[in-house]
Amino acid sequence: MDARKLLQKAQGLFIEGRHKESINAFTESITAGGETEIVFLSRGVAYLKTEQMEKAIEDFSRVIDLNVLNIRAYYYRGITYLIKENHEKAISDLDRTIELKPDHGPAFFARGTAYAQTGNDYEATRNIKTAITFSKANMQAFSDSFGVFRPRFDKVMAIMTDKEKTPSFTLSVEEIETVKKWLDERYH
């Protein structure tokens, strides 16, 4: 089978939620000469979904080597670093995502989560408030990747709602409810 057909097969497996099988098919496509951004990006996301973080980072980095303007590669690599609790690298990749696409609501939201994990309440609040200004439709990418880093985000939500512990975190009750609504619609 040629690389293009293997890519189509891999994408179909991925859409069906058969991520481990899709990884094998993406790898076959690469072996057959299909070393394209979409193959590495897609396999990276499959690695992310199967919690193979180092391999995901390798594939997202490969995409960036092929195209330094690939927004999705920076975003997903940032999410992967966030999961690994490497907040500095996560923030750096999310900075680059926002530099390339200033209205990337999910990147602001993820960056706010990373800042909250580092204890930088000011930047966490500022980024999450910015994310809230973007429409629900723009939050779909965040929602799609949210499940894999939910434990980190749950910690941030606990910080935001406990005013006694963190009085400097200044999201309003309405803003917190907006965020919770996005997440509840996707995961409940």
C-alpha atoms as a PDB file:
ATOM      1  CA  MET A   1       0.000   0.000   0.000  1.00  0.00           C
ATOM      2  CA  ASP A   2       1.273   3.485  -0.772  1.00  0.00           C
ATOM      3  CA  ALA A   3       1.875   6.140   1.876  1.00  0.00           C
ATOM      4  CA  ARG A   4      -1.282   8.092   1.033  1.00  0.00           C
ATOM      5  CA  LYS A   5      -3.571   5.079   1.430  1.00  0.00           C
ATOM      6  CA  LEU A   6      -1.834   4.126   4.660  1.00  0.00           C
ATOM      7  CA  LEU A   7      -2.412   7.656   5.936  1.00  0.00           C
ATOM      8  CA  GLN A   8      -6.117   7.402   5.099  1.00  0.00           C
ATOM      9  CA  LYS A   9      -6.308   4.051   6.880  1.00  0.00           C
ATOM     10  CA  ALA A  10      -4.526   5.529   9.926  1.00  0.00           C
ATOM     11  CA  GLN A  11      -6.838   8.536  10.014  1.00  0.00           C
ATOM     12  CA  GLY A  12      -9.865   6.242   9.877  1.00  0.00           C
ATOM     13  CA  LEU A  13      -8.559   4.182  12.780  1.00  0.00           C
ATOM     14  CA  PHE A  14      -7.876   7.346  14.745  1.00  0.00           C
ATOM     15  CA  ILE A  15     -11.387   8.690  14.146  1.00  0.00           C
ATOM     16  CA  GLU A  16     -12.792   5.352  15.327  1.00  0.00           C
ATOM     17  CA  GLY A  17     -10.843   5.805  18.577  1.00  0.00           C
ATOM     18  CA  ARG A  18      -8.462   2.959  17.773  1.00  0.00           C
ATOM     19  CA  HIS A  19      -5.424   5.056  18.637  1.00  0.00           C
ATOM     20  CA  LYS A  20      -2.870   2.279  19.142  1.00  0.00           C
ATOM     21  CA  GLU A  21      -3.756   0.739  15.789  1.00  0.00           C
ATOM     22  CA  SER A  22      -3.630   4.171  14.163  1.00  0.00           C
ATOM     23  CA  ILE A  23      -0.089   4.664  15.486  1.00  0.00           C
ATOM     24  CA  ASN A  24       1.005   1.520  13.649  1.00  0.00           C
ATOM     25  CA  ALA A  25      -0.695   2.674  10.444  1.00  0.00           C
ATOM     26  CA  PHE A  26       0.827   6.174  10.686  1.00  0.00           C
ATOM     27  CA  THR A  27       4.225   4.541  11.192  1.00  0.00           C
ATOM     28  CA  GLU A  28       3.644   2.349   8.109  1.00  0.00           C
ATOM     29  CA  SER A  29       2.786   5.483   6.126  1.00  0.00           C
ATOM     30  CA  ILE A  30       6.032   7.115   7.254  1.00  0.00           C
ATOM     31  CA  THR A  31       7.997   3.990   6.348  1.00  0.00           C
ATOM     32  CA  ALA A  32       6.365   4.036   2.903  1.00  0.00           C
ATOM     33  CA  GLY A  33       7.700   7.541   2.317  1.00  0.00           C
ATOM     34  CA  GLY A  34       4.905   9.638   3.726  1.00  0.00           C
ATOM     35  CA  GLU A  35       7.046  11.843   5.949  1.00  0.00           C
ATOM     36  CA  THR A  36       4.651  14.769   5.975  1.00  0.00           C
ATOM     37  CA  GLU A  37       3.565  17.221   8.639  1.00  0.00           C
ATOM     38  CA  ILE A  38       0.100  15.691   8.823  1.00  0.00           C
ATOM     39  CA  VAL A  39       1.411  12.171   9.418  1.00  0.00           C
ATOM     40  CA  PHE A  40       3.752  13.205  12.233  1.00  0.00           C
ATOM     41  CA  LEU A  41       1.170  15.547  13.754  1.00  0.00           C
ATOM     42  CA  SER A  42      -1.553  12.905  13.637  1.00  0.00           C
ATOM     43  CA  ARG A  43       0.698  10.210  15.066  1.00  0.00           C
ATOM     44  CA  GLY A  44       1.805  12.648  17.766  1.00  0.00           C
ATOM     45  CA  VAL A  45      -1.807  13.231  18.784  1.00  0.00           C
ATOM     46  CA  ALA A  46      -2.372   9.456  18.829  1.00  0.00           C
ATOM     47  CA  TYR A  47       0.681   9.097  21.075  1.00  0.00           C
ATOM     48  CA  LEU A  48      -0.736  11.845  23.286  1.00  0.00           C
ATOM     49  CA  LYS A  49      -4.097  10.046  23.485  1.00  0.00           C
ATOM     50  CA  THR A  50      -2.302   6.839  24.510  1.00  0.00           C
ATOM     51  CA  GLU A  51      -0.158   8.704  27.050  1.00  0.00           C
ATOM     52  CA  GLN A  52       3.141   8.079  25.260  1.00  0.00           C
ATOM     53  CA  MET A  53       4.386  11.559  26.007  1.00  0.00           C
ATOM     54  CA  GLU A  54       8.016  11.319  24.891  1.00  0.00           C
ATOM     55  CA  LYS A  55       7.011   9.899  21.514  1.00  0.00           C
ATOM     56  CA  ALA A  56       4.357  12.602  21.155  1.00  0.00           C
ATOM     57  CA  ILE A  57       6.951  15.295  21.838  1.00  0.00           C
ATOM     58  CA  GLU A  58       9.286  13.739  19.257  1.00  0.00           C
ATOM     59  CA  ASP A  59       6.580  13.777  16.585  1.00  0.00           C
ATOM     60  CA  PHE A  60       5.434  17.329  17.359  1.00  0.00           C
ATOM     61  CA  SER A  61       9.077  18.451  17.286  1.00  0.00           C
ATOM     62  CA  ARG A  62       9.487  16.720  13.922  1.00  0.00           C
ATOM     63  CA  VAL A  63       6.514  18.700  12.582  1.00  0.00           C
ATOM     64  CA  ILE A  64       8.109  21.911  13.831  1.00  0.00           C
ATOM     65  CA  ASP A  65      11.370  20.913  12.108  1.00  0.00           C
ATOM     66  CA  LEU A  66       9.391  20.526   8.877  1.00  0.00           C
ATOM     67  CA  ASN A  67       7.422  23.759   9.351  1.00  0.00           C
ATOM     68  CA  VAL A  68       8.265  26.292  12.062  1.00  0.00           C
ATOM     69  CA  LEU A  69       4.867  27.935  11.522  1.00  0.00           C
ATOM     70  CA  ASN A  70       2.743  24.879  12.356  1.00  0.00           C
ATOM     71  CA  ILE A  71       0.478  26.217  15.095  1.00  0.00           C
ATOM     72  CA  ARG A  72      -1.030  22.861  15.989  1.00  0.00           C
ATOM     73  CA  ALA A  73       2.379  21.281  16.590  1.00  0.00           C
ATOM     74  CA  TYR A  74       3.319  23.991  19.099  1.00  0.00           C
ATOM     75  CA  TYR A  75      -0.088  23.782  20.759  1.00  0.00           C
ATOM     76  CA  TYR A  76      -0.073  20.002  21.150  1.00  0.00           C
ATOM     77  CA  ARG A  77       3.555  19.909  22.233  1.00  0.00           C
ATOM     78  CA  GLY A  78       2.686  22.576  24.818  1.00  0.00           C
ATOM     79  CA  ILE A  79      -0.213  20.427  26.052  1.00  0.00           C
ATOM     80  CA  THR A  80       2.116  17.439  26.255  1.00  0.00           C
ATOM     81  CA  TYR A  81       4.642  19.407  28.298  1.00  0.00           C
ATOM     82  CA  LEU A  82       1.801  20.566  30.533  1.00  0.00           C
ATOM     83  CA  ILE A  83       0.825  16.945  31.160  1.00  0.00           C
ATOM     84  CA  LYS A  84       4.444  16.141  31.971  1.00  0.00           C
ATOM     85  CA  GLU A  85       4.415  19.105  34.370  1.00  0.00           C
ATOM     86  CA  ASN A  86       7.225  20.812  32.491  1.00  0.00           C
ATOM     87  CA  HIS A  87       5.522  24.165  32.832  1.00  0.00           C
ATOM     88  CA  GLU A  88       8.322  26.317  31.419  1.00  0.00           C
ATOM     89  CA  LYS A  89       8.400  24.392  28.138  1.00  0.00           C
ATOM     90  CA  ALA A  90       4.599  24.278  28.052  1.00  0.00           C
ATOM     91  CA  ILE A  91       4.406  28.048  28.454  1.00  0.00           C
ATOM     92  CA  SER A  92       7.074  28.559  25.803  1.00  0.00           C
ATOM     93  CA  ASP A  93       5.213  26.448  23.222  1.00  0.00           C
ATOM     94  CA  LEU A  94       1.896  28.042  24.114  1.00  0.00           C
ATOM     95  CA  ASP A  95       3.546  31.484  23.784  1.00  0.00           C
ATOM     96  CA  ARG A  96       4.604  30.510  20.262  1.00  0.00           C
ATOM     97  CA  THR A  97       1.102  29.240  19.464  1.00  0.00           C
ATOM     98  CA  ILE A  98      -0.371  32.571  20.536  1.00  0.00           C
ATOM     99  CA  GLU A  99       2.319  34.514  18.688  1.00  0.00           C
ATOM    100  CA  LEU A 100       1.333  32.680  15.489  1.00  0.00           C
ATOM    101  CA  LYS A 101      -2.422  32.843  16.171  1.00  0.00           C
ATOM    102  CA  PRO A 102      -3.291  35.639  18.617  1.00  0.00           C
ATOM    103  CA  ASP A 103      -6.929  34.531  18.923  1.00  0.00           C
ATOM    104  CA  HIS A 104      -6.136  30.912  19.887  1.00  0.00           C
ATOM    105  CA  GLY A 105      -8.421  30.670  22.916  1.00  0.00           C
ATOM    106  CA  PRO A 106      -7.421  27.101  23.857  1.00  0.00           C
ATOM    107  CA  ALA A 107      -3.755  28.125  24.002  1.00  0.00           C
ATOM    108  CA  PHE A 108      -4.579  30.998  26.360  1.00  0.00           C
ATOM    109  CA  PHE A 109      -6.582  28.612  28.511  1.00  0.00           C
ATOM    110  CA  ALA A 110      -3.834  25.981  28.621  1.00  0.00           C
ATOM    111  CA  ARG A 111      -1.200  28.649  29.273  1.00  0.00           C
ATOM    112  CA  GLY A 112      -3.324  29.962  32.139  1.00  0.00           C
ATOM    113  CA  THR A 113      -3.439  26.445  33.539  1.00  0.00           C
ATOM    114  CA  ALA A 114       0.355  26.199  33.299  1.00  0.00           C
ATOM    115  CA  TYR A 115       0.827  29.557  35.015  1.00  0.00           C
ATOM    116  CA  ALA A 116      -1.528  28.510  37.804  1.00  0.00           C
ATOM    117  CA  GLN A 117       0.546  25.380  38.333  1.00  0.00           C
ATOM    118  CA  THR A 118       3.638  27.567  38.772  1.00  0.00           C
ATOM    119  CA  GLY A 119       1.857  29.792  41.278  1.00  0.00           C
ATOM    120  CA  ASN A 120       1.746  32.810  38.971  1.00  0.00           C
ATOM    121  CA  ASP A 121      -1.834  33.783  39.775  1.00  0.00           C
ATOM    122  CA  TYR A 122      -1.696  37.075  37.891  1.00  0.00           C
ATOM    123  CA  GLU A 123      -0.733  35.463  34.558  1.00  0.00           C
ATOM    124  CA  ALA A 124      -3.077  32.520  35.158  1.00  0.00           C
ATOM    125  CA  THR A 125      -6.013  34.851  35.685  1.00  0.00           C
ATOM    126  CA  ARG A 126      -5.072  37.086  32.765  1.00  0.00           C
ATOM    127  CA  ASN A 127      -4.772  34.139  30.355  1.00  0.00           C
ATOM    128  CA  ILE A 128      -7.950  32.387  31.430  1.00  0.00           C
ATOM    129  CA  LYS A 129      -9.904  35.659  31.223  1.00  0.00           C
ATOM    130  CA  THR A 130      -8.548  36.137  27.700  1.00  0.00           C
ATOM    131  CA  ALA A 131      -9.604  32.605  26.776  1.00  0.00           C
ATOM    132  CA  ILE A 132     -13.102  33.315  28.055  1.00  0.00           C
ATOM    133  CA  THR A 133     -13.414  36.187  25.590  1.00  0.00           C
ATOM    134  CA  PHE A 134     -13.249  33.703  22.729  1.00  0.00           C
ATOM    135  CA  SER A 135     -16.350  31.926  21.565  1.00  0.00           C
ATOM    136  CA  LYS A 136     -17.341  28.440  22.605  1.00  0.00           C
ATOM    137  CA  ALA A 137     -16.576  27.219  19.084  1.00  0.00           C
ATOM    138  CA  ASN A 138     -12.952  28.329  19.468  1.00  0.00           C
ATOM    139  CA  MET A 139     -12.714  26.254  22.649  1.00  0.00           C
ATOM    140  CA  GLN A 140     -13.321  22.961  20.798  1.00  0.00           C
ATOM    141  CA  ALA A 141      -9.586  22.281  20.366  1.00  0.00           C
ATOM    142  CA  PHE A 142      -9.058  22.773  24.074  1.00  0.00           C
ATOM    143  CA  SER A 143     -12.032  20.585  24.839  1.00  0.00           C
ATOM    144  CA  ASP A 144     -10.677  17.848  22.563  1.00  0.00           C
ATOM    145  CA  SER A 145      -7.356  17.757  24.372  1.00  0.00           C
ATOM    146  CA  PHE A 146      -8.745  18.520  27.836  1.00  0.00           C
ATOM    147  CA  GLY A 147      -9.290  14.908  28.872  1.00  0.00           C
ATOM    148  CA  VAL A 148      -5.608  14.047  28.774  1.00  0.00           C
ATOM    149  CA  PHE A 149      -4.605  16.802  31.148  1.00  0.00           C
ATOM    150  CA  ARG A 150      -7.729  17.045  33.285  1.00  0.00           C
ATOM    151  CA  PRO A 151      -5.954  16.237  36.594  1.00  0.00           C
ATOM    152  CA  ARG A 152      -3.749  19.323  36.197  1.00  0.00           C
ATOM    153  CA  PHE A 153      -6.720  21.474  35.292  1.00  0.00           C
ATOM    154  CA  ASP A 154      -8.758  20.133  38.229  1.00  0.00           C
ATOM    155  CA  LYS A 155      -5.994  21.399  40.534  1.00  0.00           C
ATOM    156  CA  VAL A 156      -6.265  24.828  38.935  1.00  0.00           C
ATOM    157  CA  MET A 157     -10.058  24.848  39.300  1.00  0.00           C
ATOM    158  CA  ALA A 158      -9.638  23.999  42.985  1.00  0.00           C
ATOM    159  CA  ILE A 159      -7.263  26.937  43.360  1.00  0.00           C
ATOM    160  CA  MET A 160      -9.636  29.290  41.536  1.00  0.00           C
ATOM    161  CA  THR A 161     -12.628  28.391  43.667  1.00  0.00           C
ATOM    162  CA  ASP A 162     -10.852  28.436  47.057  1.00  0.00           C
ATOM    163  CA  LYS A 163     -10.552  32.148  47.760  1.00  0.00           C
ATOM    164  CA  GLU A 164      -9.148  31.583  51.248  1.00  0.00           C
ATOM    165  CA  LYS A 165      -6.049  29.833  49.944  1.00  0.00           C
ATOM    166  CA  THR A 166      -5.506  31.995  46.876  1.00  0.00           C
ATOM    167  CA  PRO A 167      -7.033  35.425  47.238  1.00  0.00           C
ATOM    168  CA  SER A 168      -4.976  36.801  44.337  1.00  0.00           C
ATOM    169  CA  PHE A 169      -6.678  34.557  41.779  1.00  0.00           C
ATOM    170  CA  THR A 170      -9.317  36.932  40.477  1.00  0.00           C
ATOM    171  CA  LEU A 171     -11.690  35.078  38.189  1.00  0.00           C
ATOM    172  CA  SER A 172     -15.259  36.024  38.931  1.00  0.00           C
ATOM    173  CA  VAL A 173     -17.859  33.422  39.812  1.00  0.00           C
ATOM    174  CA  GLU A 174     -19.415  34.024  36.383  1.00  0.00           C
ATOM    175  CA  GLU A 175     -16.082  33.402  34.624  1.00  0.00           C
ATOM    176  CA  ILE A 176     -15.514  30.211  36.599  1.00  0.00           C
ATOM    177  CA  GLU A 177     -19.034  29.057  35.731  1.00  0.00           C
ATOM    178  CA  THR A 178     -18.362  29.746  32.026  1.00  0.00           C
ATOM    179  CA  VAL A 179     -15.287  27.535  32.139  1.00  0.00           C
ATOM    180  CA  LYS A 180     -17.129  24.791  34.025  1.00  0.00           C
ATOM    181  CA  LYS A 181     -19.962  24.925  31.467  1.00  0.00           C
ATOM    182  CA  TRP A 182     -17.547  24.359  28.561  1.00  0.00           C
ATOM    183  CA  LEU A 183     -16.093  21.364  30.322  1.00  0.00           C
ATOM    184  CA  ASP A 184     -19.419  19.934  31.466  1.00  0.00           C
ATOM    185  CA  GLU A 185     -20.832  20.106  27.945  1.00  0.00           C
ATOM    186  CA  ARG A 186     -17.901  18.088  26.669  1.00  0.00           C
ATOM    187  CA  TYR A 187     -17.392  15.561  29.458  1.00  0.00           C
ATOM    188  CA  HIS A 188     -20.754  14.995  31.119  1.00  0.00           C
END
